Amino acid sequence: MNALERLLGDRELKLPSLPVVGLNILKTFKDDDFSFNKLAATISTDPALAMRTLSVANSALYGLPNKVDDLERAVKILGGDALKNIALSFVIIEGLKKYETAEYKFEDFWKTALTSAVAAELLNGKLRKRSGAGFVNALLMDIGRVVIFTVRPDEYLHLLEESEITGKEIVLLERETFGFDHQQVGREILDLWGLPESITLPVAYHHDRENCPKIYTDSAEILNASSMVSSLYHGLNSAHKMSVFSSLMNTKFGFDDTAVFEFMDDAADKSLDILRTFRIDPGELKPYSAMLEDANKELSKLNTSYEQLVIELKQSKERAEGLADKLVGANKKLRGLAFNDSLTGLYNHRSFHEAMDNEINKVKKAGVGFSLILFDIDNFKAINDSFGHRQGDEVLKTTSRIITEATIGTNDTGMVAARFGGDEFALLMPGSDINEATIIAEKIRKDIEESNFQSAGHLISFTVSVGVGSCLPTDAILSKDMIFENVDKALYVSKKSGRNKVSIAKAET
């Protein structure tokens, strides 16, 4: 199952499709009789898109000697590939704007994305890469974050808070919580929209450069660096980030300190130009040299007398104590988020994986086996479509309640039940063999089959398909992924053979 499928589950929400003008741009470029005239005419069918495309062409980023006042000339100067990709990027990002909320402002996304795009294009120029590719890749590299937020807004806002408080990278928190990250989601949705590998693969690996296909490693490195520039200008802790960035630019691209500072100033100046062109508030963005100058002025004003330092220390201590109180409350909220699914109260994907890791270690070190059961609600999408998402949520809650009740009174109190994602559930049974697990699985299947509830005048009943497997000390030690794959195959057998069944995974040797 790919990242988009796992993200969506059986949710009714439709991800945005590529708008008509975007499809027409791709079609025009693939036509045998392609011409600059036709590409310009296609872009011109959307006046807002045409204006933005011309704005980029006329910005300080490209530094054209004379103003470009028509798209055909812009195509000839920038090149068909560059203009096509720039236009498509604006179409894609604008298509997501309807999902904006009070907590997730699209202008903030534009601000950081455009700054990254400018930095990437400048770095491309310094390294003599093809113009236009860096701008587009950087503009789209975090599109997966927007898509994840669109589908799971509450969970993702909590992850953003946790990242801000703890300093942990958002990509790591995404993997722990969902089992995938925004790179994967971004690549898959850009693949669906028909964008080429030269865009989708750098997007897929900009946080995972060591695994990037070699042909696109440089592009992924450029995206990583451009992301750091944007974070430095629009985030916190600039001094530390600048140190890390300078080191990266020196080791990866051979920039000395002077070249790094010149690059940072150039990125700020050209970002300001583009943001103003798009009428986006740049906030506190200013060249890094100006930031340093302001800091030096403030330092020169400090009264460094002993008394003044004591007063400032006392005030800092009071502020720190107040912040600590706030962090205690935030951490309580984060602990709940870190371990539990908000709808069902069961463990979430992230905590279940931690429990699995512990059990695999026990098999290796203490000779204690375990069993794994995977559940999938049959025809869950049809339930949502027929009765609505509120009733679909009730089905999920009912399933979690029955799974929990089935484990009460058993000999093993260490069972871990989780909502694994969408309409998928899992039950980890430490110290249990395949026979014990099959009995529990069949009981849960039967209890769910016999359950029903009234909702909005409808009697709703449903079933689950189940896969069961085990990992015992006598077995060949399997990886976690292999164990899941083995049990998932058994679940698939139950689905394919009529649903509402329990199937046992084949023993691996």
Protein backbone atom coordinates (compact mmCIF):
# COMPACT_ATOMS: atom_id res chain seq x y z
CA MET A 1 0.00 0.00 0.00
CA ASN A 2 1.50 3.34 -1.00
CA ALA A 3 1.66 6.46 1.17
CA LEU A 4 -1.40 8.16 -0.36
CA GLU A 5 -3.53 5.05 0.11
CA ARG A 6 -2.44 4.75 3.74
CA LEU A 7 -3.03 8.46 4.30
CA LEU A 8 -6.53 8.43 2.84
CA GLY A 9 -7.72 4.99 3.99
CA ASP A 10 -11.43 5.01 3.16
CA ARG A 11 -11.86 8.75 3.59
CA GLU A 12 -14.21 10.33 1.12
CA LEU A 13 -11.97 13.38 0.70
CA LYS A 14 -10.73 13.73 -2.86
CA LEU A 15 -7.24 15.00 -3.40
CA PRO A 16 -7.16 17.88 -5.87
CA SER A 17 -6.70 16.87 -9.47
CA LEU A 18 -4.58 18.85 -11.88
CA PRO A 19 -6.69 21.78 -13.19
CA VAL A 20 -7.61 21.90 -16.88
CA VAL A 21 -4.98 24.51 -17.70
CA GLY A 22 -2.33 22.26 -16.13
CA LEU A 23 -3.45 19.27 -18.19
CA ASN A 24 -3.42 21.43 -21.30
CA ILE A 25 0.14 22.60 -20.57
CA LEU A 26 1.32 18.99 -20.33
CA LYS A 27 -0.59 18.06 -23.49
CA THR A 28 0.83 21.01 -25.42
CA PHE A 29 4.34 20.05 -24.46
CA LYS A 30 3.84 16.43 -25.55
CA ASP A 31 2.31 17.30 -28.92
CA ASP A 32 4.45 16.52 -31.96
CA ASP A 33 3.80 20.00 -33.34
CA PHE A 34 4.86 21.77 -30.12
CA SER A 35 5.78 25.41 -30.50
CA PHE A 36 6.53 28.31 -28.16
CA ASN A 37 3.43 30.01 -29.57
CA LYS A 38 1.20 27.13 -28.47
CA LEU A 39 2.69 26.93 -24.97
CA ALA A 40 2.30 30.69 -24.52
CA ALA A 41 -1.29 30.51 -25.78
CA THR A 42 -2.12 27.70 -23.36
CA ILE A 43 -0.73 29.58 -20.36
CA SER A 44 -2.57 32.73 -21.51
CA THR A 45 -5.94 30.99 -21.09
CA ASP A 46 -5.53 31.55 -17.34
CA PRO A 47 -4.87 35.31 -16.83
CA ALA A 48 -3.75 34.91 -13.20
CA LEU A 49 -1.31 32.17 -14.17
CA ALA A 50 0.01 34.22 -17.09
CA MET A 51 0.57 37.21 -14.80
CA ARG A 52 2.47 35.15 -12.21
CA THR A 53 4.60 33.45 -14.84
CA LEU A 54 5.56 36.80 -16.35
CA SER A 55 6.24 38.16 -12.86
CA VAL A 56 8.81 35.44 -12.22
CA ALA A 57 10.40 35.93 -15.64
CA ASN A 58 10.73 39.68 -14.93
CA SER A 59 11.95 39.29 -11.36
CA ALA A 60 15.46 40.01 -10.18
CA LEU A 61 15.98 36.25 -9.96
CA TYR A 62 16.50 35.94 -13.71
CA GLY A 63 17.94 39.43 -14.21
CA LEU A 64 16.78 39.84 -17.81
CA PRO A 65 18.15 43.04 -19.39
CA ASN A 66 14.77 44.22 -20.68
CA LYS A 67 11.25 43.74 -19.40
CA VAL A 68 9.43 40.78 -20.94
CA ASP A 69 5.89 41.78 -21.81
CA ASP A 70 4.54 38.69 -23.55
CA LEU A 71 4.65 34.98 -22.76
CA GLU A 72 6.02 33.83 -26.09
CA ARG A 73 9.13 35.94 -25.58
CA ALA A 74 9.41 34.68 -21.99
CA VAL A 75 9.30 31.09 -23.31
CA LYS A 76 12.07 31.81 -25.80
CA ILE A 77 14.28 33.46 -23.15
CA LEU A 78 13.75 31.07 -20.24
CA GLY A 79 13.22 27.94 -22.31
CA GLY A 80 10.13 25.81 -22.77
CA ASP A 81 10.96 23.35 -19.97
CA ALA A 82 11.56 26.07 -17.40
CA LEU A 83 8.41 28.02 -18.24
CA LYS A 84 6.26 24.88 -18.41
CA ASN A 85 7.43 23.71 -15.00
CA ILE A 86 7.09 27.15 -13.39
CA ALA A 87 3.55 27.53 -14.75
CA LEU A 88 2.58 24.01 -13.64
CA SER A 89 3.93 24.65 -10.15
CA PHE A 90 1.73 27.71 -9.73
CA VAL A 91 -1.29 25.78 -11.02
CA ILE A 92 -0.67 22.94 -8.54
CA ILE A 93 -0.10 25.10 -5.47
CA GLU A 94 -3.01 27.41 -6.24
CA GLY A 95 -5.26 24.34 -6.60
CA LEU A 96 -4.58 23.44 -2.96
CA LYS A 97 -5.46 26.89 -1.64
CA LYS A 98 -9.09 25.95 -0.99
CA TYR A 99 -7.91 23.76 1.91
CA GLU A 100 -6.54 26.73 3.87
CA THR A 101 -7.62 27.00 7.52
CA ALA A 102 -7.08 29.46 10.33
CA GLU A 103 -4.27 27.24 11.65
CA TYR A 104 -2.58 26.64 8.29
CA LYS A 105 -2.24 29.84 6.29
CA PHE A 106 -1.43 29.37 2.64
CA GLU A 107 0.43 32.67 2.51
CA ASP A 108 2.92 31.19 5.01
CA PHE A 109 3.42 28.23 2.68
CA TRP A 110 3.95 30.57 -0.29
CA LYS A 111 6.43 32.63 1.69
CA THR A 112 8.66 29.71 2.65
CA ALA A 113 8.22 27.89 -0.68
CA LEU A 114 9.13 30.93 -2.79
CA THR A 115 12.16 31.69 -0.62
CA SER A 116 13.33 28.09 -1.02
CA ALA A 117 12.67 28.29 -4.77
CA VAL A 118 14.76 31.44 -5.12
CA ALA A 119 17.63 29.93 -3.10
CA ALA A 120 17.55 26.74 -5.18
CA GLU A 121 17.59 28.60 -8.48
CA LEU A 122 20.47 30.80 -7.31
CA LEU A 123 22.43 27.75 -6.18
CA ASN A 124 21.67 26.06 -9.50
CA GLY A 125 23.15 29.10 -11.21
CA LYS A 126 26.26 29.03 -9.04
CA LEU A 127 26.74 25.36 -9.86
CA ARG A 128 25.83 25.91 -13.53
CA LYS A 129 22.79 23.66 -13.46
CA ARG A 130 19.86 24.01 -15.89
CA SER A 131 17.77 27.12 -15.17
CA GLY A 132 14.19 26.65 -13.94
CA ALA A 133 14.58 23.15 -12.51
CA GLY A 134 15.78 24.25 -9.09
CA PHE A 135 13.05 26.85 -8.71
CA VAL A 136 10.29 24.37 -9.51
CA ASN A 137 11.63 21.50 -7.41
CA ALA A 138 12.00 23.72 -4.35
CA LEU A 139 8.59 25.30 -4.86
CA LEU A 140 6.99 21.85 -4.78
CA MET A 141 9.24 19.95 -2.35
CA ASP A 142 6.91 20.37 0.65
CA ILE A 143 3.64 19.86 -1.24
CA GLY A 144 3.24 16.58 0.66
CA ARG A 145 2.97 18.51 3.94
CA VAL A 146 -0.01 20.41 2.57
CA VAL A 147 -1.66 17.18 1.43
CA ILE A 148 -1.14 15.45 4.81
CA PHE A 149 -2.55 18.48 6.59
CA THR A 150 -5.52 18.49 4.22
CA VAL A 151 -6.39 14.90 5.16
CA ARG A 152 -5.35 14.83 8.85
CA PRO A 153 -5.33 18.45 10.06
CA ASP A 154 -5.52 17.88 13.83
CA GLU A 155 -2.81 15.23 13.93
CA TYR A 156 -0.51 17.24 11.70
CA LEU A 157 -0.90 20.44 13.71
CA HIS A 158 0.14 18.49 16.80
CA LEU A 159 3.22 17.20 14.97
CA LEU A 160 4.16 20.74 13.95
CA GLU A 161 3.85 21.81 17.61
CA GLU A 162 5.96 18.86 18.76
CA SER A 163 8.62 19.66 16.17
CA GLU A 164 8.74 23.29 17.30
CA ILE A 165 8.97 22.40 21.00
CA THR A 166 11.41 19.51 20.79
CA GLY A 167 13.43 20.51 17.74
CA LYS A 168 12.86 17.06 16.24
CA GLU A 169 12.68 16.99 12.44
CA ILE A 170 9.10 16.92 11.13
CA VAL A 171 9.99 14.14 8.68
CA LEU A 172 10.94 11.83 11.59
CA LEU A 173 7.74 12.63 13.49
CA GLU A 174 5.70 11.91 10.33
CA ARG A 175 7.30 8.48 9.96
CA GLU A 176 6.75 7.63 13.63
CA THR A 177 3.10 8.70 13.54
CA PHE A 178 1.91 7.70 10.07
CA GLY A 179 4.50 5.21 8.83
CA PHE A 180 5.37 7.50 5.89
CA ASP A 181 6.53 11.08 5.40
CA HIS A 182 5.70 14.13 3.30
CA GLN A 183 8.44 13.29 0.78
CA GLN A 184 6.62 10.08 -0.19
CA VAL A 185 3.22 11.77 -0.31
CA GLY A 186 4.64 14.64 -2.36
CA ARG A 187 6.24 12.32 -4.88
CA GLU A 188 3.10 10.22 -5.29
CA ILE A 189 0.76 13.13 -5.88
CA LEU A 190 3.18 14.76 -8.34
CA ASP A 191 3.41 11.39 -10.12
CA LEU A 192 -0.38 11.36 -10.35
CA TRP A 193 -0.26 14.79 -11.94
CA GLY A 194 2.17 13.58 -14.58
CA LEU A 195 5.30 15.51 -13.59
CA PRO A 196 8.65 14.06 -14.69
CA GLU A 197 11.14 12.18 -12.51
CA SER A 198 13.51 15.15 -12.64
CA ILE A 199 11.00 16.87 -10.32
CA THR A 200 9.40 14.00 -8.40
CA LEU A 201 12.55 12.11 -7.35
CA PRO A 202 14.46 15.06 -5.83
CA VAL A 203 11.24 15.91 -3.96
CA ALA A 204 11.07 12.30 -2.72
CA TYR A 205 14.61 12.32 -1.32
CA HIS A 206 15.44 15.85 -0.15
CA HIS A 207 15.52 14.63 3.49
CA ASP A 208 16.95 11.23 2.51
CA ARG A 209 19.75 12.14 0.12
CA GLU A 210 21.90 9.06 0.73
CA ASN A 211 19.17 6.87 -0.80
CA CYS A 212 18.46 9.14 -3.75
CA PRO A 213 19.15 7.73 -7.23
CA LYS A 214 22.62 8.98 -8.15
CA ILE A 215 21.46 10.99 -11.16
CA TYR A 216 19.33 13.20 -8.87
CA THR A 217 21.56 13.37 -5.78
CA ASP A 218 22.80 16.88 -6.63
CA SER A 219 19.22 18.12 -7.06
CA ALA A 220 18.23 16.64 -3.69
CA GLU A 221 21.25 18.28 -2.02
CA ILE A 222 20.28 21.63 -3.54
CA LEU A 223 16.73 21.24 -2.21
CA ASN A 224 18.06 20.48 1.26
CA ALA A 225 20.26 23.58 1.21
CA SER A 226 17.47 25.82 -0.12
CA SER A 227 15.14 24.54 2.60
CA MET A 228 17.73 25.56 5.20
CA VAL A 229 17.88 29.07 3.71
CA SER A 230 14.12 29.44 3.97
CA SER A 231 14.10 28.07 7.52
CA LEU A 232 16.87 30.45 8.52
CA TYR A 233 14.98 33.48 7.23
CA HIS A 234 11.47 32.45 8.35
CA GLY A 235 12.15 30.34 11.45
CA LEU A 236 13.82 30.52 14.84
CA ASN A 237 17.34 29.91 16.19
CA SER A 238 19.04 31.59 13.23
CA ALA A 239 22.54 31.57 14.74
CA HIS A 240 22.66 27.78 15.07
CA LYS A 241 21.05 27.25 11.67
CA MET A 242 23.55 29.59 10.02
CA SER A 243 26.42 27.61 11.49
CA VAL A 244 24.99 24.34 10.15
CA PHE A 245 24.23 25.92 6.77
CA SER A 246 27.73 27.40 6.41
CA SER A 247 29.27 24.03 7.14
CA LEU A 248 27.01 22.35 4.56
CA MET A 249 27.80 24.93 1.87
CA ASN A 250 31.51 24.50 2.53
CA THR A 251 31.58 20.70 2.49
CA LYS A 252 28.99 20.02 -0.24
CA PHE A 253 29.46 22.94 -2.61
CA GLY A 254 32.90 24.40 -1.80
CA PHE A 255 31.68 27.85 -0.64
CA ASP A 256 33.97 29.76 1.71
CA ASP A 257 32.49 31.97 4.46
CA THR A 258 32.49 35.10 2.28
CA ALA A 259 30.69 33.28 -0.53
CA VAL A 260 28.10 31.92 1.93
CA PHE A 261 27.27 35.39 3.28
CA GLU A 262 27.06 36.82 -0.25
CA PHE A 263 24.76 33.96 -1.27
CA MET A 264 22.50 34.50 1.76
CA ASP A 265 22.19 38.22 1.02
CA ASP A 266 21.45 37.55 -2.65
CA ALA A 267 18.77 35.00 -1.71
CA ALA A 268 17.11 37.52 0.62
CA ASP A 269 17.17 40.36 -1.93
CA LYS A 270 15.69 38.28 -4.72
CA SER A 271 13.13 36.63 -2.41
CA LEU A 272 11.95 40.06 -1.30
CA ASP A 273 11.54 41.05 -4.94
CA ILE A 274 9.42 38.00 -5.79
CA LEU A 275 7.34 38.15 -2.60
CA ARG A 276 6.52 41.80 -3.25
CA THR A 277 5.66 40.97 -6.85
CA PHE A 278 3.15 38.43 -5.55
CA ARG A 279 1.95 40.88 -2.89
CA ILE A 280 2.97 38.54 -0.08
CA ASP A 281 4.05 40.10 3.20
CA PRO A 282 7.74 39.15 3.64
CA GLY A 283 7.51 39.62 7.41
CA GLU A 284 10.91 40.18 9.04
CA LEU A 285 12.87 38.95 6.02
CA LYS A 286 16.02 40.99 5.49
CA PRO A 287 19.52 40.15 4.17
CA TYR A 288 21.66 38.23 6.62
CA SER A 289 24.28 40.99 6.69
CA ALA A 290 21.56 43.42 7.81
CA MET A 291 20.49 40.97 10.52
CA LEU A 292 24.09 40.84 11.79
CA GLU A 293 24.38 44.62 11.70
CA ASP A 294 21.21 45.00 13.77
CA ALA A 295 22.49 42.45 16.27
CA ASN A 296 25.80 44.31 16.64
CA LYS A 297 23.97 47.59 17.23
CA GLU A 298 21.92 45.99 19.97
CA LEU A 299 25.03 44.55 21.58
CA SER A 300 26.69 47.96 21.64
CA LYS A 301 23.72 49.39 23.56
CA LEU A 302 23.87 46.81 26.34
CA ASN A 303 24.71 48.07 29.80
CA THR A 304 27.04 45.37 31.01
CA SER A 305 27.27 46.58 34.59
CA TYR A 306 26.99 43.93 37.29
CA GLU A 307 23.65 45.30 38.55
CA GLN A 308 22.13 45.30 35.06
CA LEU A 309 23.26 41.74 34.44
CA VAL A 310 21.70 40.60 37.75
CA ILE A 311 18.38 42.21 36.79
CA GLU A 312 18.43 40.63 33.34
CA LEU A 313 19.32 37.24 34.82
CA LYS A 314 16.39 37.46 37.23
CA GLN A 315 14.00 38.40 34.43
CA SER A 316 15.32 35.59 32.24
CA LYS A 317 14.84 33.10 35.08
CA GLU A 318 11.22 34.23 35.55
CA ARG A 319 10.54 33.92 31.83
CA ALA A 320 12.13 30.46 31.77
CA GLU A 321 9.97 29.31 34.70
CA GLY A 322 6.85 30.55 32.94
CA LEU A 323 7.87 28.76 29.75
CA ALA A 324 8.55 25.57 31.71
CA ASP A 325 4.98 25.61 33.04
CA LYS A 326 3.66 25.95 29.51
CA LEU A 327 5.89 23.13 28.31
CA VAL A 328 4.60 20.80 31.02
CA GLY A 329 1.07 21.28 29.70
CA ALA A 330 2.23 20.92 26.11
CA ASN A 331 4.16 17.76 26.89
CA LYS A 332 1.11 16.18 28.55
CA LYS A 333 -0.83 16.82 25.37
CA LEU A 334 2.05 15.50 23.25
CA ARG A 335 2.33 12.32 25.30
CA GLY A 336 -1.30 11.55 24.61
CA LEU A 337 -0.82 12.34 20.92
CA ALA A 338 2.36 10.30 20.75
CA PHE A 339 0.75 7.09 21.92
CA ASN A 340 -3.00 7.16 21.26
CA ASP A 341 -5.35 7.45 18.32
CA SER A 342 -7.63 10.43 18.98
CA LEU A 343 -10.83 8.78 17.69
CA THR A 344 -10.69 5.30 19.22
CA GLY A 345 -8.35 5.73 22.17
CA LEU A 346 -6.28 2.73 21.04
CA TYR A 347 -2.55 2.95 20.50
CA ASN A 348 -1.55 4.62 17.24
CA HIS A 349 0.72 3.47 14.41
CA ARG A 350 3.80 4.98 16.00
CA SER A 351 3.46 3.42 19.46
CA PHE A 352 2.47 0.05 18.01
CA HIS A 353 5.72 -0.08 16.05
CA GLU A 354 7.64 0.61 19.27
CA ALA A 355 5.83 -2.28 20.95
CA MET A 356 6.67 -4.55 17.99
CA ASP A 357 10.34 -3.60 18.25
CA ASN A 358 10.31 -4.57 21.93
CA GLU A 359 8.73 -7.96 21.20
CA ILE A 360 11.20 -8.76 18.41
CA ASN A 361 14.04 -8.00 20.84
CA LYS A 362 12.48 -10.40 23.34
CA VAL A 363 12.41 -13.15 20.71
CA LYS A 364 16.09 -12.60 20.00
CA LYS A 365 17.33 -12.14 23.57
CA ALA A 366 14.91 -13.93 25.90
CA GLY A 367 13.36 -16.55 23.64
CA VAL A 368 9.82 -15.20 24.16
CA GLY A 369 7.59 -15.30 21.09
CA PHE A 370 4.50 -13.31 20.13
CA SER A 371 1.57 -13.31 17.72
CA LEU A 372 0.21 -10.55 15.50
CA ILE A 373 -3.37 -10.09 14.30
CA LEU A 374 -4.36 -7.59 11.61
CA PHE A 375 -7.99 -6.54 11.05
CA ASP A 376 -9.53 -4.69 8.11
CA ILE A 377 -13.16 -3.53 8.11
CA ASP A 378 -14.99 -4.95 5.10
CA ASN A 379 -16.49 -2.45 2.64
CA PHE A 380 -15.79 0.48 4.95
CA LYS A 381 -15.98 2.97 2.11
CA ALA A 382 -19.49 1.75 1.28
CA ILE A 383 -20.50 2.36 4.91
CA ASN A 384 -19.19 5.92 4.72
CA ASP A 385 -20.87 6.50 1.35
CA SER A 386 -24.22 5.06 2.49
CA PHE A 387 -24.52 6.41 6.02
CA GLY A 388 -21.98 9.23 6.32
CA HIS A 389 -18.65 9.74 8.06
CA ARG A 390 -20.18 10.18 11.51
CA GLN A 391 -21.59 6.68 11.30
CA GLY A 392 -18.29 5.50 9.84
CA ASP A 393 -16.57 6.83 12.95
CA GLU A 394 -19.04 4.87 15.09
CA VAL A 395 -18.05 1.71 13.21
CA LEU A 396 -14.39 2.42 14.00
CA LYS A 397 -15.20 3.01 17.67
CA THR A 398 -17.27 -0.18 17.85
CA THR A 399 -14.43 -2.19 16.33
CA SER A 400 -11.94 -0.80 18.83
CA ARG A 401 -14.29 -1.52 21.74
CA ILE A 402 -14.81 -5.15 20.68
CA ILE A 403 -11.07 -5.73 20.18
CA THR A 404 -10.40 -4.26 23.63
CA GLU A 405 -13.15 -6.30 25.31
CA ALA A 406 -11.87 -9.53 23.72
CA THR A 407 -8.54 -9.14 25.49
CA ILE A 408 -10.03 -8.56 28.96
CA GLY A 409 -9.70 -11.57 31.22
CA THR A 410 -7.05 -13.29 29.11
CA ASN A 411 -3.91 -14.61 30.75
CA ASP A 412 -1.67 -12.11 28.97
CA THR A 413 -2.05 -8.55 30.22
CA GLY A 414 0.60 -7.20 27.84
CA MET A 415 -1.56 -7.19 24.71
CA VAL A 416 -1.33 -4.04 22.60
CA ALA A 417 -4.31 -3.02 20.45
CA ALA A 418 -3.91 -0.24 17.90
CA ARG A 419 -5.70 1.58 15.16
CA PHE A 420 -3.09 1.07 12.50
CA GLY A 421 -4.46 3.57 9.99
CA GLY A 422 -7.81 4.30 8.35
CA ASP A 423 -9.97 1.20 8.84
CA GLU A 424 -7.05 -1.06 9.81
CA PHE A 425 -6.50 -2.40 13.34
CA ALA A 426 -3.79 -4.53 14.90
CA LEU A 427 -3.43 -6.64 18.02
CA LEU A 428 -0.05 -7.69 19.41
CA MET A 429 -0.12 -10.73 21.71
CA PRO A 430 3.16 -11.21 23.65
CA GLY A 431 3.85 -14.81 24.71
CA SER A 432 1.06 -16.24 22.52
CA ASP A 433 1.34 -18.94 19.87
CA ILE A 434 -0.63 -19.17 16.63
CA ASN A 435 -3.41 -21.28 18.14
CA GLU A 436 -4.10 -18.83 20.97
CA ALA A 437 -4.03 -15.92 18.54
CA THR A 438 -6.41 -17.65 16.13
CA ILE A 439 -8.94 -18.25 18.94
CA ILE A 440 -8.86 -14.56 19.91
CA ALA A 441 -9.06 -13.48 16.25
CA GLU A 442 -12.09 -15.70 15.61
CA LYS A 443 -13.83 -14.42 18.75
CA ILE A 444 -13.32 -10.81 17.67
CA ARG A 445 -14.49 -11.57 14.10
CA LYS A 446 -17.64 -13.26 15.40
CA ASP A 447 -18.41 -10.54 17.97
CA ILE A 448 -18.13 -7.87 15.27
CA GLU A 449 -20.32 -9.87 12.88
CA GLU A 450 -23.02 -10.13 15.56
CA SER A 451 -22.80 -6.48 16.61
CA ASN A 452 -25.03 -3.75 15.21
CA PHE A 453 -26.18 -0.31 16.24
CA GLN A 454 -28.88 2.17 15.37
CA SER A 455 -27.83 5.44 13.77
CA ALA A 456 -30.00 8.07 12.11
CA GLY A 457 -32.81 5.53 11.73
CA HIS A 458 -30.58 2.87 10.17
CA LEU A 459 -29.48 -0.45 11.61
CA ILE A 460 -25.78 -0.70 10.79
CA SER A 461 -23.90 -3.98 10.84
CA PHE A 462 -20.48 -4.82 9.46
CA THR A 463 -17.74 -7.45 9.35
CA VAL A 464 -13.94 -7.65 9.38
CA SER A 465 -11.37 -9.70 7.51
CA VAL A 466 -8.49 -10.96 9.62
CA GLY A 467 -4.92 -12.18 9.19
CA VAL A 468 -3.02 -14.01 11.96
CA GLY A 469 0.67 -14.84 12.29
CA SER A 470 3.31 -15.51 14.92
CA CYS A 471 7.01 -15.12 15.59
CA LEU A 472 8.41 -17.79 17.89
CA PRO A 473 11.92 -18.56 19.18
CA THR A 474 11.97 -21.70 17.04
CA ASP A 475 11.32 -19.71 13.85
CA ALA A 476 13.95 -18.06 11.71
CA ILE A 477 14.21 -14.53 13.10
CA LEU A 478 12.29 -12.25 10.77
CA SER A 479 12.45 -8.51 10.37
CA LYS A 480 9.49 -6.43 11.47
CA ASP A 481 8.64 -5.65 7.85
CA MET A 482 8.68 -9.34 6.95
CA ILE A 483 6.38 -10.21 9.85
CA PHE A 484 3.88 -7.53 8.83
CA GLU A 485 4.06 -8.55 5.19
CA ASN A 486 3.43 -12.19 6.08
CA VAL A 487 0.34 -11.41 8.19
CA ASP A 488 -0.88 -8.84 5.66
CA LYS A 489 -0.82 -11.56 2.99
CA ALA A 490 -3.06 -13.69 5.20
CA LEU A 491 -5.42 -10.73 5.61
CA TYR A 492 -5.46 -10.36 1.81
CA VAL A 493 -6.46 -14.04 1.50
CA SER A 494 -9.43 -13.39 3.81
CA LYS A 495 -10.46 -10.41 1.68
CA LYS A 496 -10.14 -12.25 -1.61
CA SER A 497 -11.94 -15.40 -0.44
CA GLY A 498 -15.16 -13.65 0.53
CA ARG A 499 -14.34 -11.42 3.53
CA ASN A 500 -15.49 -11.91 7.15
CA LYS A 501 -12.87 -14.63 7.60
CA VAL A 502 -9.73 -15.42 9.60
CA SER A 503 -6.70 -16.63 7.64
CA ILE A 504 -3.42 -17.87 9.11
CA ALA A 505 -0.10 -16.70 7.71
CA LYS A 506 2.22 -19.33 6.28
CA ALA A 507 5.19 -20.09 8.51
CA GLU A 508 8.45 -18.58 7.25
CA THR A 509 11.55 -20.76 7.32
